[in-house]
Amino acid sequence: MEPRQVSRPVQQLGGLFIAAVGAFLTWQVWQVAHTGKYFLSVGTTGPAFVVMGLALIAFPDSRTERRERGESLVGLEGWALLTPRWRVVTVMGIVLTVGYFFYLTGGL
């Protein structure tokens, strides 16, 4: 049984919320980075949230993309479910998160 499809405006609203949370996390950690009193595991996720949120605003999710192309979702999960576009978005989020971590910590 496939999950129900979420309408595009709801996806975009969710993307806006996710991007806003990511921007807030990124800004907050940047503000307190000089004190050393922050949680890197939480703070460095901000850029990934921003990327994912903006991508949700700009593009339909991978399930919707596959449905629109007439592809079956049966047996697809995880990385296999992602379309090439969403794989790029995911990698961009990871790269920005790692880069932001190194920026905050001053490198290795």
C-alpha atoms as a PDB file:
ATOM      1  CA  MET A   1       0.000   0.000   0.000  1.00  0.00           C
ATOM      2  CA  GLU A   2       1.405   3.354  -1.038  1.00  0.00           C
ATOM      3  CA  PRO A   3       1.209   6.344   1.305  1.00  0.00           C
ATOM      4  CA  ARG A   4      -1.210   9.070   0.353  1.00  0.00           C
ATOM      5  CA  GLN A   5       0.083  11.851  -1.829  1.00  0.00           C
ATOM      6  CA  VAL A   6       0.625  15.270  -0.257  1.00  0.00           C
ATOM      7  CA  SER A   7      -0.504  18.266  -2.310  1.00  0.00           C
ATOM      8  CA  ARG A   8       2.156  20.523  -3.819  1.00  0.00           C
ATOM      9  CA  PRO A   9       1.212  23.635  -1.774  1.00  0.00           C
ATOM     10  CA  VAL A  10       1.487  21.602   1.431  1.00  0.00           C
ATOM     11  CA  GLN A  11       4.908  20.338   0.324  1.00  0.00           C
ATOM     12  CA  GLN A  12       6.013  23.900  -0.390  1.00  0.00           C
ATOM     13  CA  LEU A  13       4.731  25.127   2.970  1.00  0.00           C
ATOM     14  CA  GLY A  14       6.581  22.289   4.672  1.00  0.00           C
ATOM     15  CA  GLY A  15       9.698  23.196   2.709  1.00  0.00           C
ATOM     16  CA  LEU A  16       9.414  26.805   3.831  1.00  0.00           C
ATOM     17  CA  PHE A  17       9.140  25.692   7.454  1.00  0.00           C
ATOM     18  CA  ILE A  18      12.121  23.337   7.133  1.00  0.00           C
ATOM     19  CA  ALA A  19      14.231  26.041   5.464  1.00  0.00           C
ATOM     20  CA  ALA A  20      13.271  28.547   8.170  1.00  0.00           C
ATOM     21  CA  VAL A  21      14.252  26.114  10.927  1.00  0.00           C
ATOM     22  CA  GLY A  22      17.538  25.449   9.146  1.00  0.00           C
ATOM     23  CA  ALA A  23      18.250  29.144   8.716  1.00  0.00           C
ATOM     24  CA  PHE A  24      17.477  29.739  12.392  1.00  0.00           C
ATOM     25  CA  LEU A  25      19.764  26.891  13.501  1.00  0.00           C
ATOM     26  CA  THR A  26      22.545  28.101  11.229  1.00  0.00           C
ATOM     27  CA  TRP A  27      22.227  31.690  12.452  1.00  0.00           C
ATOM     28  CA  GLN A  28      22.013  30.724  16.132  1.00  0.00           C
ATOM     29  CA  VAL A  29      25.096  28.539  16.002  1.00  0.00           C
ATOM     30  CA  TRP A  30      26.984  31.164  14.029  1.00  0.00           C
ATOM     31  CA  GLN A  31      26.067  33.737  16.711  1.00  0.00           C
ATOM     32  CA  VAL A  32      27.402  31.650  19.604  1.00  0.00           C
ATOM     33  CA  ALA A  33      30.266  29.884  17.828  1.00  0.00           C
ATOM     34  CA  HIS A  34      32.866  32.106  19.466  1.00  0.00           C
ATOM     35  CA  THR A  35      31.771  31.045  22.980  1.00  0.00           C
ATOM     36  CA  GLY A  36      32.241  27.330  22.348  1.00  0.00           C
ATOM     37  CA  LYS A  37      28.977  26.604  24.168  1.00  0.00           C
ATOM     38  CA  TYR A  38      26.896  24.964  21.489  1.00  0.00           C
ATOM     39  CA  PHE A  39      26.102  21.490  20.269  1.00  0.00           C
ATOM     40  CA  LEU A  40      27.800  20.856  16.941  1.00  0.00           C
ATOM     41  CA  SER A  41      25.625  17.839  16.253  1.00  0.00           C
ATOM     42  CA  VAL A  42      22.532  20.048  16.259  1.00  0.00           C
ATOM     43  CA  GLY A  43      23.955  23.278  14.920  1.00  0.00           C
ATOM     44  CA  THR A  44      25.679  21.909  11.889  1.00  0.00           C
ATOM     45  CA  THR A  45      22.449  20.419  10.563  1.00  0.00           C
ATOM     46  CA  GLY A  46      21.166  23.915   9.782  1.00  0.00           C
ATOM     47  CA  PRO A  47      22.573  24.115   6.236  1.00  0.00           C
ATOM     48  CA  ALA A  48      21.137  20.688   5.390  1.00  0.00           C
ATOM     49  CA  PHE A  49      17.699  21.825   6.556  1.00  0.00           C
ATOM     50  CA  VAL A  50      17.995  24.977   4.445  1.00  0.00           C
ATOM     51  CA  VAL A  51      18.939  22.985   1.331  1.00  0.00           C
ATOM     52  CA  MET A  52      16.191  20.408   1.826  1.00  0.00           C
ATOM     53  CA  GLY A  53      13.591  23.059   2.593  1.00  0.00           C
ATOM     54  CA  LEU A  54      14.452  25.151  -0.457  1.00  0.00           C
ATOM     55  CA  ALA A  55      14.450  22.033  -2.616  1.00  0.00           C
ATOM     56  CA  LEU A  56      10.974  21.118  -1.358  1.00  0.00           C
ATOM     57  CA  ILE A  57       9.795  24.598  -2.287  1.00  0.00           C
ATOM     58  CA  ALA A  58      11.325  24.373  -5.768  1.00  0.00           C
ATOM     59  CA  PHE A  59      10.714  20.721  -6.676  1.00  0.00           C
ATOM     60  CA  PRO A  60       8.115  18.044  -5.974  1.00  0.00           C
ATOM     61  CA  ASP A  61       9.274  15.251  -3.691  1.00  0.00           C
ATOM     62  CA  SER A  62      10.806  12.137  -5.236  1.00  0.00           C
ATOM     63  CA  ARG A  63       7.649  10.050  -4.778  1.00  0.00           C
ATOM     64  CA  THR A  64       5.595  12.610  -6.667  1.00  0.00           C
ATOM     65  CA  GLU A  65       8.225  12.845  -9.405  1.00  0.00           C
ATOM     66  CA  ARG A  66       8.188   9.085  -9.866  1.00  0.00           C
ATOM     67  CA  ARG A  67       4.377   8.950  -9.873  1.00  0.00           C
ATOM     68  CA  GLU A  68       4.191  11.727 -12.481  1.00  0.00           C
ATOM     69  CA  ARG A  69       6.544   9.749 -14.724  1.00  0.00           C
ATOM     70  CA  GLY A  70       4.400   6.659 -14.267  1.00  0.00           C
ATOM     71  CA  GLU A  71       7.033   4.726 -12.330  1.00  0.00           C
ATOM     72  CA  SER A  72       6.115   2.219  -9.660  1.00  0.00           C
ATOM     73  CA  LEU A  73       7.179   2.814  -6.073  1.00  0.00           C
ATOM     74  CA  VAL A  74       6.880  -0.845  -5.153  1.00  0.00           C
ATOM     75  CA  GLY A  75      10.055  -2.114  -3.530  1.00  0.00           C
ATOM     76  CA  LEU A  76      11.735   1.295  -3.516  1.00  0.00           C
ATOM     77  CA  GLU A  77      13.009   2.699  -0.261  1.00  0.00           C
ATOM     78  CA  GLY A  78      15.906   4.778   0.979  1.00  0.00           C
ATOM     79  CA  TRP A  79      18.458   5.852  -1.618  1.00  0.00           C
ATOM     80  CA  ALA A  80      16.743   3.799  -4.345  1.00  0.00           C
ATOM     81  CA  LEU A  81      13.564   5.848  -3.911  1.00  0.00           C
ATOM     82  CA  LEU A  82      15.364   9.139  -4.535  1.00  0.00           C
ATOM     83  CA  THR A  83      15.389  10.528  -8.042  1.00  0.00           C
ATOM     84  CA  PRO A  84      18.708  11.844  -9.413  1.00  0.00           C
ATOM     85  CA  ARG A  85      17.626  15.404  -8.569  1.00  0.00           C
ATOM     86  CA  TRP A  86      16.973  14.495  -4.932  1.00  0.00           C
ATOM     87  CA  ARG A  87      20.220  12.564  -4.725  1.00  0.00           C
ATOM     88  CA  VAL A  88      22.056  15.750  -5.725  1.00  0.00           C
ATOM     89  CA  VAL A  89      20.061  17.748  -3.160  1.00  0.00           C
ATOM     90  CA  THR A  90      20.890  15.198  -0.454  1.00  0.00           C
ATOM     91  CA  VAL A  91      24.596  15.234  -1.283  1.00  0.00           C
ATOM     92  CA  MET A  92      24.567  19.053  -1.334  1.00  0.00           C
ATOM     93  CA  GLY A  93      23.013  19.088   2.132  1.00  0.00           C
ATOM     94  CA  ILE A  94      25.633  16.682   3.450  1.00  0.00           C
ATOM     95  CA  VAL A  95      28.514  18.623   1.878  1.00  0.00           C
ATOM     96  CA  LEU A  96      27.260  21.933   3.278  1.00  0.00           C
ATOM     97  CA  THR A  97      26.784  20.396   6.718  1.00  0.00           C
ATOM     98  CA  VAL A  98      30.317  19.005   6.759  1.00  0.00           C
ATOM     99  CA  GLY A  99      31.685  22.299   5.437  1.00  0.00           C
ATOM    100  CA  TYR A 100      29.823  24.267   8.090  1.00  0.00           C
ATOM    101  CA  PHE A 101      31.146  21.914  10.767  1.00  0.00           C
ATOM    102  CA  PHE A 102      34.718  22.536   9.616  1.00  0.00           C
ATOM    103  CA  TYR A 103      34.044  26.269   9.446  1.00  0.00           C
ATOM    104  CA  LEU A 104      32.786  26.304  13.038  1.00  0.00           C
ATOM    105  CA  THR A 105      35.579  24.153  14.402  1.00  0.00           C
ATOM    106  CA  GLY A 106      38.333  25.880  12.465  1.00  0.00           C
ATOM    107  CA  GLY A 107      39.194  22.794  10.435  1.00  0.00           C
ATOM    108  CA  LEU A 108      40.386  19.418  11.595  1.00  0.00           C
END
